[in-house]
Structures are given as structure tokens and as C-alpha cells.
PDB file of all heavy atoms in Angstrom:
ATOM      1  N   ALA A   1     108.362  69.207 104.325  1.00  0.00           N
ATOM      2  CA  ALA A   1     108.862  70.326 105.131  1.00  0.00           C
ATOM      3  C   ALA A   1     108.842  69.978 106.617  1.00  0.00           C
ATOM      4  O   ALA A   1     109.790  70.286 107.356  1.00  0.00           O
ATOM      5  CB  ALA A   1     108.013  71.578 104.866  1.00  0.00           C
ATOM      6  N   ARG A   2     107.778  69.336 107.063  1.00  0.00           N
ATOM      7  CA  ARG A   2     107.708  68.930 108.476  1.00  0.00           C
ATOM      8  C   ARG A   2     108.790  67.901 108.791  1.00  0.00           C
ATOM      9  O   ARG A   2     109.383  67.921 109.866  1.00  0.00           O
ATOM     10  CB  ARG A   2     106.323  68.365 108.787  1.00  0.00           C
ATOM     11  CG  ARG A   2     105.232  69.419 108.846  1.00  0.00           C
ATOM     12  CD  ARG A   2     103.888  68.804 109.192  1.00  0.00           C
ATOM     13  NE  ARG A   2     102.841  69.807 109.206  1.00  0.00           N
ATOM     14  CZ  ARG A   2     102.522  70.552 110.259  1.00  0.00           C
ATOM     15  NH1 ARG A   2     103.192  70.406 111.381  1.00  0.00           N
ATOM     16  NH2 ARG A   2     101.546  71.434 110.191  1.00  0.00           N
ATOM     17  N   ALA A   3     109.020  66.977 107.857  1.00  0.00           N
ATOM     18  CA  ALA A   3     110.057  65.971 108.080  1.00  0.00           C
ATOM     19  C   ALA A   3     111.424  66.635 108.209  1.00  0.00           C
ATOM     20  O   ALA A   3     112.254  66.237 109.050  1.00  0.00           O
ATOM     21  CB  ALA A   3     110.052  64.963 106.933  1.00  0.00           C
ATOM     22  N   ILE A   4     111.672  67.662 107.411  1.00  0.00           N
ATOM     23  CA  ILE A   4     112.932  68.410 107.525  1.00  0.00           C
ATOM     24  C   ILE A   4     113.028  69.075 108.890  1.00  0.00           C
ATOM     25  O   ILE A   4     114.068  69.029 109.559  1.00  0.00           O
ATOM     26  CB  ILE A   4     113.024  69.453 106.390  1.00  0.00           C
ATOM     27  CG1 ILE A   4     113.168  68.749 105.036  1.00  0.00           C
ATOM     28  CG2 ILE A   4     114.191  70.403 106.628  1.00  0.00           C
ATOM     29  CD1 ILE A   4     113.079  69.681 103.843  1.00  0.00           C
ATOM     30  N   HIS A   5     111.928  69.705 109.337  1.00  0.00           N
ATOM     31  CA  HIS A   5     111.939  70.394 110.641  1.00  0.00           C
ATOM     32  C   HIS A   5     112.130  69.417 111.794  1.00  0.00           C
ATOM     33  O   HIS A   5     112.973  69.646 112.681  1.00  0.00           O
ATOM     34  CB  HIS A   5     110.630  71.160 110.822  1.00  0.00           C
ATOM     35  CG  HIS A   5     110.450  71.738 112.191  1.00  0.00           C
ATOM     36  ND1 HIS A   5     111.142  72.844 112.631  1.00  0.00           N
ATOM     37  CD2 HIS A   5     109.667  71.347 113.235  1.00  0.00           C
ATOM     38  CE1 HIS A   5     110.792  73.112 113.876  1.00  0.00           C
ATOM     39  NE2 HIS A   5     109.890  72.219 114.264  1.00  0.00           N
ATOM     40  N   PHE A   6     111.365  68.331 111.811  1.00  0.00           N
ATOM     41  CA  PHE A   6     111.388  67.422 112.952  1.00  0.00           C
ATOM     42  C   PHE A   6     112.647  66.562 113.005  1.00  0.00           C
ATOM     43  O   PHE A   6     112.862  65.841 113.984  1.00  0.00           O
ATOM     44  CB  PHE A   6     110.140  66.533 112.947  1.00  0.00           C
ATOM     45  CG  PHE A   6     108.901  67.269 113.362  1.00  0.00           C
ATOM     46  CD1 PHE A   6     107.847  67.445 112.479  1.00  0.00           C
ATOM     47  CD2 PHE A   6     108.786  67.815 114.619  1.00  0.00           C
ATOM     48  CE1 PHE A   6     106.707  68.132 112.850  1.00  0.00           C
ATOM     49  CE2 PHE A   6     107.658  68.502 115.008  1.00  0.00           C
ATOM     50  CZ  PHE A   6     106.614  68.666 114.116  1.00  0.00           C
ATOM     51  N   ASN A   7     113.448  66.619 111.978  1.00  0.00           N
ATOM     52  CA  ASN A   7     114.730  65.920 112.004  1.00  0.00           C
ATOM     53  C   ASN A   7     115.896  66.903 112.050  1.00  0.00           C
ATOM     54  O   ASN A   7     117.032  66.530 111.782  1.00  0.00           O
ATOM     55  CB  ASN A   7     114.847  65.001 110.784  1.00  0.00           C
ATOM     56  CG  ASN A   7     113.972  63.770 110.904  1.00  0.00           C
ATOM     57  OD1 ASN A   7     114.364  62.754 111.467  1.00  0.00           O
ATOM     58  ND2 ASN A   7     112.753  63.872 110.394  1.00  0.00           N
ATOM     59  N   SER A   8     115.602  68.143 112.439  1.00  0.00           N
ATOM     60  CA  SER A   8     116.634  69.177 112.546  1.00  0.00           C
ATOM     61  C   SER A   8     116.886  69.517 114.010  1.00  0.00           C
ATOM     62  O   SER A   8     116.223  68.996 114.912  1.00  0.00           O
ATOM     63  CB  SER A   8     116.190  70.433 111.790  1.00  0.00           C
ATOM     64  OG  SER A   8     115.152  71.097 112.497  1.00  0.00           O
ATOM     65  N   GLN A   9     117.830  70.418 114.237  1.00  0.00           N
ATOM     66  CA  GLN A   9     118.125  70.881 115.590  1.00  0.00           C
ATOM     67  C   GLN A   9     117.007  71.779 116.142  1.00  0.00           C
ATOM     68  O   GLN A   9     116.978  72.062 117.329  1.00  0.00           O
ATOM     69  CB  GLN A   9     119.450  71.664 115.592  1.00  0.00           C
ATOM     70  CG  GLN A   9     120.650  70.871 115.100  1.00  0.00           C
ATOM     71  CD  GLN A   9     120.961  69.678 115.994  1.00  0.00           C
ATOM     72  OE1 GLN A   9     120.860  69.757 117.219  1.00  0.00           O
ATOM     73  NE2 GLN A   9     121.331  68.560 115.381  1.00  0.00           N
ATOM     74  N   ARG A  10     116.105  72.182 115.277  1.00  0.00           N
ATOM     75  CA  ARG A  10     115.026  73.092 115.682  1.00  0.00           C
ATOM     76  C   ARG A  10     113.730  72.361 116.010  1.00  0.00           C
ATOM     77  O   ARG A  10     112.683  72.989 116.150  1.00  0.00           O
ATOM     78  CB  ARG A  10     114.752  74.108 114.556  1.00  0.00           C
ATOM     79  CG  ARG A  10     115.949  74.972 114.193  1.00  0.00           C
ATOM     80  CD  ARG A  10     115.653  75.807 112.947  1.00  0.00           C
ATOM     81  NE  ARG A  10     116.765  76.664 112.588  1.00  0.00           N
ATOM     82  CZ  ARG A  10     116.869  77.960 112.904  1.00  0.00           C
ATOM     83  NH1 ARG A  10     115.892  78.532 113.585  1.00  0.00           N
ATOM     84  NH2 ARG A  10     117.914  78.663 112.548  1.00  0.00           N
ATOM     85  N   LYS A  11     113.764  71.059 116.120  1.00  0.00           N
ATOM     86  CA  LYS A  11     112.531  70.277 116.214  1.00  0.00           C
ATOM     87  C   LYS A  11     111.698  70.600 117.450  1.00  0.00           C
ATOM     88  O   LYS A  11     110.485  70.379 117.462  1.00  0.00           O
ATOM     89  CB  LYS A  11     112.847  68.784 116.175  1.00  0.00           C
ATOM     90  CG  LYS A  11     113.699  68.271 117.320  1.00  0.00           C
ATOM     91  CD  LYS A  11     113.994  66.796 117.135  1.00  0.00           C
ATOM     92  CE  LYS A  11     114.885  66.257 118.255  1.00  0.00           C
ATOM     93  NZ  LYS A  11     115.184  64.824 118.053  1.00  0.00           N
ATOM     94  N   LYS A  12     112.307  71.136 118.520  1.00  0.00           N
ATOM     95  CA  LYS A  12     111.551  71.478 119.725  1.00  0.00           C
ATOM     96  C   LYS A  12     110.997  72.899 119.664  1.00  0.00           C
ATOM     97  O   LYS A  12     110.323  73.338 120.586  1.00  0.00           O
ATOM     98  CB  LYS A  12     112.432  71.319 120.960  1.00  0.00           C
ATOM     99  CG  LYS A  12     112.817  69.871 121.244  1.00  0.00           C
ATOM    100  CD  LYS A  12     113.599  69.749 122.536  1.00  0.00           C
ATOM    101  CE  LYS A  12     113.959  68.289 122.824  1.00  0.00           C
ATOM    102  NZ  LYS A  12     114.742  68.145 124.079  1.00  0.00           N
ATOM    103  N   GLN A  13     111.289  73.608 118.606  1.00  0.00           N
ATOM    104  CA  GLN A  13     110.815  74.976 118.420  1.00  0.00           C
ATOM    105  C   GLN A  13     109.639  74.990 117.439  1.00  0.00           C
ATOM    106  O   GLN A  13     109.314  73.976 116.833  1.00  0.00           O
ATOM    107  CB  GLN A  13     111.966  75.851 117.919  1.00  0.00           C
ATOM    108  CG  GLN A  13     113.173  75.875 118.837  1.00  0.00           C
ATOM    109  CD  GLN A  13     112.833  76.352 120.245  1.00  0.00           C
ATOM    110  OE1 GLN A  13     111.988  77.238 120.416  1.00  0.00           O
ATOM    111  NE2 GLN A  13     113.472  75.761 121.248  1.00  0.00           N
ATOM    112  N   PRO A  14     108.990  76.141 117.242  1.00  0.00           N
ATOM    113  CA  PRO A  14     107.769  76.184 116.415  1.00  0.00           C
ATOM    114  C   PRO A  14     108.003  75.817 114.954  1.00  0.00           C
ATOM    115  O   PRO A  14     109.048  76.109 114.371  1.00  0.00           O
ATOM    116  CB  PRO A  14     107.305  77.637 116.544  1.00  0.00           C
ATOM    117  CG  PRO A  14     107.947  78.151 117.777  1.00  0.00           C
ATOM    118  CD  PRO A  14     109.241  77.430 117.906  1.00  0.00           C
ATOM    119  N   PHE A  15     106.995  75.161 114.380  1.00  0.00           N
ATOM    120  CA  PHE A  15     106.924  74.944 112.930  1.00  0.00           C
ATOM    121  C   PHE A  15     105.694  75.707 112.459  1.00  0.00           C
ATOM    122  O   PHE A  15     104.564  75.344 112.776  1.00  0.00           O
ATOM    123  CB  PHE A  15     106.807  73.457 112.601  1.00  0.00           C
ATOM    124  CG  PHE A  15     106.668  73.175 111.128  1.00  0.00           C
ATOM    125  CD1 PHE A  15     107.771  73.194 110.300  1.00  0.00           C
ATOM    126  CD2 PHE A  15     105.430  72.898 110.568  1.00  0.00           C
ATOM    127  CE1 PHE A  15     107.642  72.941 108.930  1.00  0.00           C
ATOM    128  CE2 PHE A  15     105.294  72.639 109.211  1.00  0.00           C
ATOM    129  CZ  PHE A  15     106.406  72.662 108.393  1.00  0.00           C
ATOM    130  N   VAL A  16     105.902  76.787 111.707  1.00  0.00           N
ATOM    131  CA  VAL A  16     104.817  77.705 111.331  1.00  0.00           C
ATOM    132  C   VAL A  16     104.593  77.629 109.826  1.00  0.00           C
ATOM    133  O   VAL A  16     105.541  77.714 109.039  1.00  0.00           O
ATOM    134  CB  VAL A  16     105.158  79.148 111.745  1.00  0.00           C
ATOM    135  CG1 VAL A  16     104.038  80.099 111.339  1.00  0.00           C
ATOM    136  CG2 VAL A  16     105.385  79.221 113.252  1.00  0.00           C
ATOM    137  N   CYS A  17     103.323  77.445 109.430  1.00  0.00           N
ATOM    138  CA  CYS A  17     102.960  77.311 108.008  1.00  0.00           C
ATOM    139  C   CYS A  17     102.298  78.583 107.510  1.00  0.00           C
ATOM    140  O   CYS A  17     101.562  79.247 108.241  1.00  0.00           O
ATOM    141  CB  CYS A  17     102.008  76.132 107.805  1.00  0.00           C
ATOM    142  SG  CYS A  17     102.707  74.543 108.272  1.00  0.00           S
ATOM    143  N   MET A  18     102.542  78.879 106.245  1.00  0.00           N
ATOM    144  CA  MET A  18     101.948  80.069 105.628  1.00  0.00           C
ATOM    145  C   MET A  18     101.718  79.790 104.149  1.00  0.00           C
ATOM    146  O   MET A  18     102.644  79.393 103.439  1.00  0.00           O
ATOM    147  CB  MET A  18     102.915  81.249 105.790  1.00  0.00           C
ATOM    148  CG  MET A  18     102.476  82.496 105.075  1.00  0.00           C
ATOM    149  SD  MET A  18     101.172  83.324 105.972  1.00  0.00           S
ATOM    150  CE  MET A  18     100.697  84.552 104.782  1.00  0.00           C
ATOM    151  N   ASN A  19     100.470  79.959 103.682  1.00  0.00           N
ATOM    152  CA  ASN A  19     100.144  79.775 102.268  1.00  0.00           C
ATOM    153  C   ASN A  19     100.133  81.142 101.593  1.00  0.00           C
ATOM    154  O   ASN A  19      99.263  81.971 101.852  1.00  0.00           O
ATOM    155  CB  ASN A  19      98.785  79.088 102.113  1.00  0.00           C
ATOM    156  CG  ASN A  19      98.518  78.655 100.680  1.00  0.00           C
ATOM    157  OD1 ASN A  19      98.911  79.330  99.737  1.00  0.00           O
ATOM    158  ND2 ASN A  19      97.863  77.521 100.524  1.00  0.00           N
ATOM    159  N   CYS A  20     101.104  81.388 100.745  1.00  0.00           N
ATOM    160  CA  CYS A  20     101.253  82.701 100.123  1.00  0.00           C
ATOM    161  C   CYS A  20     100.188  82.984  99.078  1.00  0.00           C
ATOM    162  O   CYS A  20      99.999  84.137  98.683  1.00  0.00           O
ATOM    163  CB  CYS A  20     102.640  82.816  99.491  1.00  0.00           C
ATOM    164  SG  CYS A  20     103.995  82.629 100.675  1.00  0.00           S
ATOM    165  N   ALA A  21      99.509  81.954  98.572  1.00  0.00           N
ATOM    166  CA  ALA A  21      98.502  82.152  97.526  1.00  0.00           C
ATOM    167  C   ALA A  21      97.136  82.465  98.104  1.00  0.00           C
ATOM    168  O   ALA A  21      96.215  82.793  97.365  1.00  0.00           O
ATOM    169  CB  ALA A  21      98.416  80.909  96.637  1.00  0.00           C
ATOM    170  N   ALA A  22      96.985  82.381  99.434  1.00  0.00           N
ATOM    171  CA  ALA A  22      95.658  82.498 100.035  1.00  0.00           C
ATOM    172  C   ALA A  22      95.278  83.927 100.384  1.00  0.00           C
ATOM    173  O   ALA A  22      94.130  84.191 100.717  1.00  0.00           O
ATOM    174  CB  ALA A  22      95.592  81.630 101.295  1.00  0.00           C
ATOM    175  N   LEU A  23      96.247  84.880 100.320  1.00  0.00           N
ATOM    176  CA  LEU A  23      95.984  86.230 100.796  1.00  0.00           C
ATOM    177  C   LEU A  23      96.399  87.270  99.765  1.00  0.00           C
ATOM    178  O   LEU A  23      97.272  87.026  98.925  1.00  0.00           O
ATOM    179  CB  LEU A  23      96.750  86.480 102.105  1.00  0.00           C
ATOM    180  CG  LEU A  23      96.434  85.548 103.279  1.00  0.00           C
ATOM    181  CD1 LEU A  23      97.418  85.778 104.403  1.00  0.00           C
ATOM    182  CD2 LEU A  23      95.015  85.753 103.767  1.00  0.00           C
ATOM    183  N   SER A  24      95.784  88.449  99.888  1.00  0.00           N
ATOM    184  CA  SER A  24      96.183  89.577  99.051  1.00  0.00           C
ATOM    185  C   SER A  24      97.541  90.095  99.504  1.00  0.00           C
ATOM    186  O   SER A  24      98.052  89.709 100.559  1.00  0.00           O
ATOM    187  CB  SER A  24      95.141  90.690  99.151  1.00  0.00           C
ATOM    188  OG  SER A  24      95.098  91.184 100.484  1.00  0.00           O
ATOM    189  N   GLU A  25      98.123  91.013  98.727  1.00  0.00           N
ATOM    190  CA  GLU A  25      99.457  91.512  99.052  1.00  0.00           C
ATOM    191  C   GLU A  25      99.501  92.166 100.427  1.00  0.00           C
ATOM    192  O   GLU A  25     100.403  91.918 101.222  1.00  0.00           O
ATOM    193  CB  GLU A  25      99.909  92.512  97.984  1.00  0.00           C
ATOM    194  CG  GLU A  25     101.291  93.100  98.273  1.00  0.00           C
ATOM    195  CD  GLU A  25     101.758  94.055  97.188  1.00  0.00           C
ATOM    196  OE1 GLU A  25     101.135  94.071  96.106  1.00  0.00           O
ATOM    197  OE2 GLU A  25     102.752  94.765  97.418  1.00  0.00           O
ATOM    198  N   GLY A  26      98.501  93.014 100.732  1.00  0.00           N
ATOM    199  CA  GLY A  26      98.490  93.695 102.024  1.00  0.00           C
ATOM    200  C   GLY A  26      98.356  92.739 103.187  1.00  0.00           C
ATOM    201  O   GLY A  26      99.063  92.850 104.192  1.00  0.00           O
ATOM    202  N   LEU A  27      97.440  91.795 103.077  1.00  0.00           N
ATOM    203  CA  LEU A  27      97.243  90.828 104.149  1.00  0.00           C
ATOM    204  C   LEU A  27      98.426  89.883 104.268  1.00  0.00           C
ATOM    205  O   LEU A  27      98.777  89.446 105.360  1.00  0.00           O
ATOM    206  CB  LEU A  27      95.949  90.045 103.916  1.00  0.00           C
ATOM    207  CG  LEU A  27      94.655  90.829 104.126  1.00  0.00           C
ATOM    208  CD1 LEU A  27      93.451  89.962 103.792  1.00  0.00           C
ATOM    209  CD2 LEU A  27      94.554  91.328 105.561  1.00  0.00           C
ATOM    210  N   LEU A  28      99.054  89.551 103.143  1.00  0.00           N
ATOM    211  CA  LEU A  28     100.217  88.673 103.180  1.00  0.00           C
ATOM    212  C   LEU A  28     101.354  89.326 103.958  1.00  0.00           C
ATOM    213  O   LEU A  28     102.013  88.683 104.789  1.00  0.00           O
ATOM    214  CB  LEU A  28     100.671  88.340 101.761  1.00  0.00           C
ATOM    215  CG  LEU A  28     101.923  87.462 101.632  1.00  0.00           C
ATOM    216  CD1 LEU A  28     101.713  86.126 102.319  1.00  0.00           C
ATOM    217  CD2 LEU A  28     102.277  87.242 100.169  1.00  0.00           C
ATOM    218  N   GLU A  29     101.575  90.621 103.724  1.00  0.00           N
ATOM    219  CA  GLU A  29     102.620  91.340 104.460  1.00  0.00           C
ATOM    220  C   GLU A  29     102.306  91.384 105.949  1.00  0.00           C
ATOM    221  O   GLU A  29     103.178  91.192 106.799  1.00  0.00           O
ATOM    222  CB  GLU A  29     102.762  92.762 103.908  1.00  0.00           C
ATOM    223  CG  GLU A  29     103.880  93.554 104.580  1.00  0.00           C
ATOM    224  CD  GLU A  29     104.046  94.945 103.991  1.00  0.00           C
ATOM    225  OE1 GLU A  29     103.248  95.311 103.100  1.00  0.00           O
ATOM    226  OE2 GLU A  29     104.971  95.646 104.424  1.00  0.00           O
ATOM    227  N   SER A  30     101.030  91.630 106.274  1.00  0.00           N
ATOM    228  CA  SER A  30     100.619  91.662 107.683  1.00  0.00           C
ATOM    229  C   SER A  30     100.797  90.303 108.343  1.00  0.00           C
ATOM    230  O   SER A  30     101.244  90.213 109.485  1.00  0.00           O
ATOM    231  CB  SER A  30      99.158  92.110 107.783  1.00  0.00           C
ATOM    232  OG  SER A  30      98.670  91.962 109.098  1.00  0.00           O
ATOM    233  N   GLU A  31     100.461  89.227 107.632  1.00  0.00           N
ATOM    234  CA  GLU A  31     100.602  87.887 108.192  1.00  0.00           C
ATOM    235  C   GLU A  31     102.070  87.519 108.399  1.00  0.00           C
ATOM    236  O   GLU A  31     102.432  86.892 109.387  1.00  0.00           O
ATOM    237  CB  GLU A  31      99.927  86.861 107.277  1.00  0.00           C
ATOM    238  CG  GLU A  31      98.418  86.841 107.348  1.00  0.00           C
ATOM    239  CD  GLU A  31      97.914  86.379 108.704  1.00  0.00           C
ATOM    240  OE1 GLU A  31      98.413  85.361 109.209  1.00  0.00           O
ATOM    241  OE2 GLU A  31      97.036  87.045 109.264  1.00  0.00           O
ATOM    242  N   LEU A  32     102.915  87.921 107.462  1.00  0.00           N
ATOM    243  CA  LEU A  32     104.331  87.569 107.561  1.00  0.00           C
ATOM    244  C   LEU A  32     105.051  88.370 108.642  1.00  0.00           C
ATOM    245  O   LEU A  32     105.819  87.818 109.439  1.00  0.00           O
ATOM    246  CB  LEU A  32     105.030  87.787 106.218  1.00  0.00           C
ATOM    247  CG  LEU A  32     104.898  86.686 105.168  1.00  0.00           C
ATOM    248  CD1 LEU A  32     105.520  87.135 103.859  1.00  0.00           C
ATOM    249  CD2 LEU A  32     105.534  85.388 105.646  1.00  0.00           C
ATOM    250  N   PHE A  33     104.810  89.677 108.671  1.00  0.00           N
ATOM    251  CA  PHE A  33     105.594  90.558 109.534  1.00  0.00           C
ATOM    252  C   PHE A  33     104.816  91.091 110.730  1.00  0.00           C
ATOM    253  O   PHE A  33     105.391  91.751 111.589  1.00  0.00           O
ATOM    254  CB  PHE A  33     106.143  91.728 108.708  1.00  0.00           C
ATOM    255  CG  PHE A  33     106.923  91.284 107.491  1.00  0.00           C
ATOM    256  CD1 PHE A  33     106.412  91.455 106.219  1.00  0.00           C
ATOM    257  CD2 PHE A  33     108.150  90.660 107.630  1.00  0.00           C
ATOM    258  CE1 PHE A  33     107.118  91.034 105.106  1.00  0.00           C
ATOM    259  CE2 PHE A  33     108.860  90.240 106.526  1.00  0.00           C
ATOM    260  CZ  PHE A  33     108.349  90.415 105.257  1.00  0.00           C
ATOM    261  N   GLY A  34     103.504  90.811 110.811  1.00  0.00           N
ATOM    262  CA  GLY A  34     102.705  91.282 111.934  1.00  0.00           C
ATOM    263  C   GLY A  34     102.245  92.720 111.737  1.00  0.00           C
ATOM    264  O   GLY A  34     102.637  93.404 110.791  1.00  0.00           O
ATOM    265  N   HIS A  35     101.408  93.197 112.650  1.00  0.00           N
ATOM    266  CA  HIS A  35     100.940  94.573 112.572  1.00  0.00           C
ATOM    267  C   HIS A  35     100.665  95.117 113.957  1.00  0.00           C
ATOM    268  O   HIS A  35     100.490  94.367 114.927  1.00  0.00           O
ATOM    269  CB  HIS A  35      99.684  94.693 111.693  1.00  0.00           C
ATOM    270  CG  HIS A  35      98.492  93.931 112.236  1.00  0.00           C
ATOM    271  ND1 HIS A  35      98.045  92.760 111.677  1.00  0.00           N
ATOM    272  CD2 HIS A  35      97.666  94.168 113.291  1.00  0.00           C
ATOM    273  CE1 HIS A  35      96.998  92.312 112.355  1.00  0.00           C
ATOM    274  NE2 HIS A  35      96.751  93.160 113.334  1.00  0.00           N
ATOM    275  N   GLU A  36     100.655  96.438 114.061  1.00  0.00           N
ATOM    276  CA  GLU A  36     100.344  97.128 115.303  1.00  0.00           C
ATOM    277  C   GLU A  36      98.862  97.495 115.331  1.00  0.00           C
ATOM    278  O   GLU A  36      98.198  97.505 114.294  1.00  0.00           O
ATOM    279  CB  GLU A  36     101.187  98.406 115.436  1.00  0.00           C
ATOM    280  CG  GLU A  36     102.677  98.174 115.485  1.00  0.00           C
ATOM    281  CD  GLU A  36     103.135  97.513 116.777  1.00  0.00           C
ATOM    282  OE1 GLU A  36     102.331  97.461 117.737  1.00  0.00           O
ATOM    283  OE2 GLU A  36     104.291  97.045 116.843  1.00  0.00           O
ATOM    284  N   LYS A  37      98.375  97.785 116.508  1.00  0.00           N
ATOM    285  CA  LYS A  37      96.984  98.197 116.656  1.00  0.00           C
ATOM    286  C   LYS A  37      96.735  99.479 115.853  1.00  0.00           C
ATOM    287  O   LYS A  37      97.496 100.443 115.947  1.00  0.00           O
ATOM    288  CB  LYS A  37      96.662  98.437 118.126  1.00  0.00           C
ATOM    289  CG  LYS A  37      95.231  98.869 118.395  1.00  0.00           C
ATOM    290  CD  LYS A  37      95.002  99.098 119.877  1.00  0.00           C
ATOM    291  CE  LYS A  37      93.571  99.542 120.134  1.00  0.00           C
ATOM    292  NZ  LYS A  37      93.325  99.793 121.576  1.00  0.00           N
ATOM    293  N   GLY A  38      95.669  99.477 115.041  1.00  0.00           N
ATOM    294  CA  GLY A  38      95.318 100.650 114.245  1.00  0.00           C
ATOM    295  C   GLY A  38      96.107 100.810 112.969  1.00  0.00           C
ATOM    296  O   GLY A  38      95.983 101.836 112.297  1.00  0.00           O
ATOM    297  N   ALA A  39      96.924  99.809 112.601  1.00  0.00           N
ATOM    298  CA  ALA A  39      97.734  99.921 111.388  1.00  0.00           C
ATOM    299  C   ALA A  39      96.861  99.992 110.144  1.00  0.00           C
ATOM    300  O   ALA A  39      97.234 100.612 109.150  1.00  0.00           O
ATOM    301  CB  ALA A  39      98.706  98.748 111.291  1.00  0.00           C
ATOM    302  N   PHE A  40      95.703  99.380 110.185  1.00  0.00           N
ATOM    303  CA  PHE A  40      94.762  99.416 109.079  1.00  0.00           C
ATOM    304  C   PHE A  40      93.382  99.089 109.613  1.00  0.00           C
ATOM    305  O   PHE A  40      93.233  98.704 110.779  1.00  0.00           O
ATOM    306  CB  PHE A  40      95.167  98.442 107.966  1.00  0.00           C
ATOM    307  CG  PHE A  40      95.437  97.035 108.453  1.00  0.00           C
ATOM    308  CD1 PHE A  40      94.415  96.128 108.650  1.00  0.00           C
ATOM    309  CD2 PHE A  40      96.739  96.646 108.736  1.00  0.00           C
ATOM    310  CE1 PHE A  40      94.668  94.849 109.102  1.00  0.00           C
ATOM    311  CE2 PHE A  40      97.012  95.361 109.195  1.00  0.00           C
ATOM    312  CZ  PHE A  40      95.973  94.465 109.375  1.00  0.00           C
ATOM    313  N   THR A  41      92.380  99.249 108.791  1.00  0.00           N
ATOM    314  CA  THR A  41      91.007  98.963 109.218  1.00  0.00           C
ATOM    315  C   THR A  41      90.882  97.503 109.630  1.00  0.00           C
ATOM    316  O   THR A  41      91.231  96.601 108.876  1.00  0.00           O
ATOM    317  CB  THR A  41      90.026  99.258 108.074  1.00  0.00           C
ATOM    318  OG1 THR A  41      90.176 100.617 107.674  1.00  0.00           O
ATOM    319  CG2 THR A  41      88.593  99.004 108.523  1.00  0.00           C
ATOM    320  N   GLY A  42      90.410  97.282 110.824  1.00  0.00           N
ATOM    321  CA  GLY A  42      90.266  95.922 111.337  1.00  0.00           C
ATOM    322  C   GLY A  42      91.401  95.487 112.220  1.00  0.00           C
ATOM    323  O   GLY A  42      91.317  94.429 112.859  1.00  0.00           O
ATOM    324  N   ALA A  43      92.475  96.292 112.304  1.00  0.00           N
ATOM    325  CA  ALA A  43      93.606  95.944 113.176  1.00  0.00           C
ATOM    326  C   ALA A  43      93.292  96.416 114.589  1.00  0.00           C
ATOM    327  O   ALA A  43      93.710  97.481 115.030  1.00  0.00           O
ATOM    328  CB  ALA A  43      94.887  96.580 112.662  1.00  0.00           C
ATOM    329  N   THR A  44      92.526  95.624 115.313  1.00  0.00           N
ATOM    330  CA  THR A  44      92.039  96.013 116.640  1.00  0.00           C
ATOM    331  C   THR A  44      93.050  95.771 117.744  1.00  0.00           C
ATOM    332  O   THR A  44      92.837  96.156 118.881  1.00  0.00           O
ATOM    333  CB  THR A  44      90.753  95.240 116.975  1.00  0.00           C
ATOM    334  OG1 THR A  44      91.027  93.826 116.884  1.00  0.00           O
ATOM    335  CG2 THR A  44      89.651  95.602 115.996  1.00  0.00           C
ATOM    336  N   GLY A  45      94.143  95.119 117.429  1.00  0.00           N
ATOM    337  CA  GLY A  45      95.163  94.855 118.434  1.00  0.00           C
ATOM    338  C   GLY A  45      96.483  94.518 117.776  1.00  0.00           C
ATOM    339  O   GLY A  45      96.583  94.338 116.567  1.00  0.00           O
TER     340      GLY A  45
END
């Protein structure tokens, strides 16, 4: 995947990794799409 990115037109932009098996459904959604302050317990910012 990194080889594909670094040989593409996007190579100077971010390469972001995410392991979908490492998180529960709620946390996976938060990691993928972000969250606002107070969206859930522990969302301090």
C-alpha cells in the first residue's frame, strides 16, 4: 500500500493507516469519521 502511495501523484500528501480489526464498531466509526467534543464519554475535545 505504501509503495502504491509513494509512486502516485499523492506521494507528497498524507498516508494514513487504519486497522479495522483493532476497534469496536463505535470506536471504529469515531476513528474513521472523527468526533466532536462531548459526543460520547471520554470525548474531551
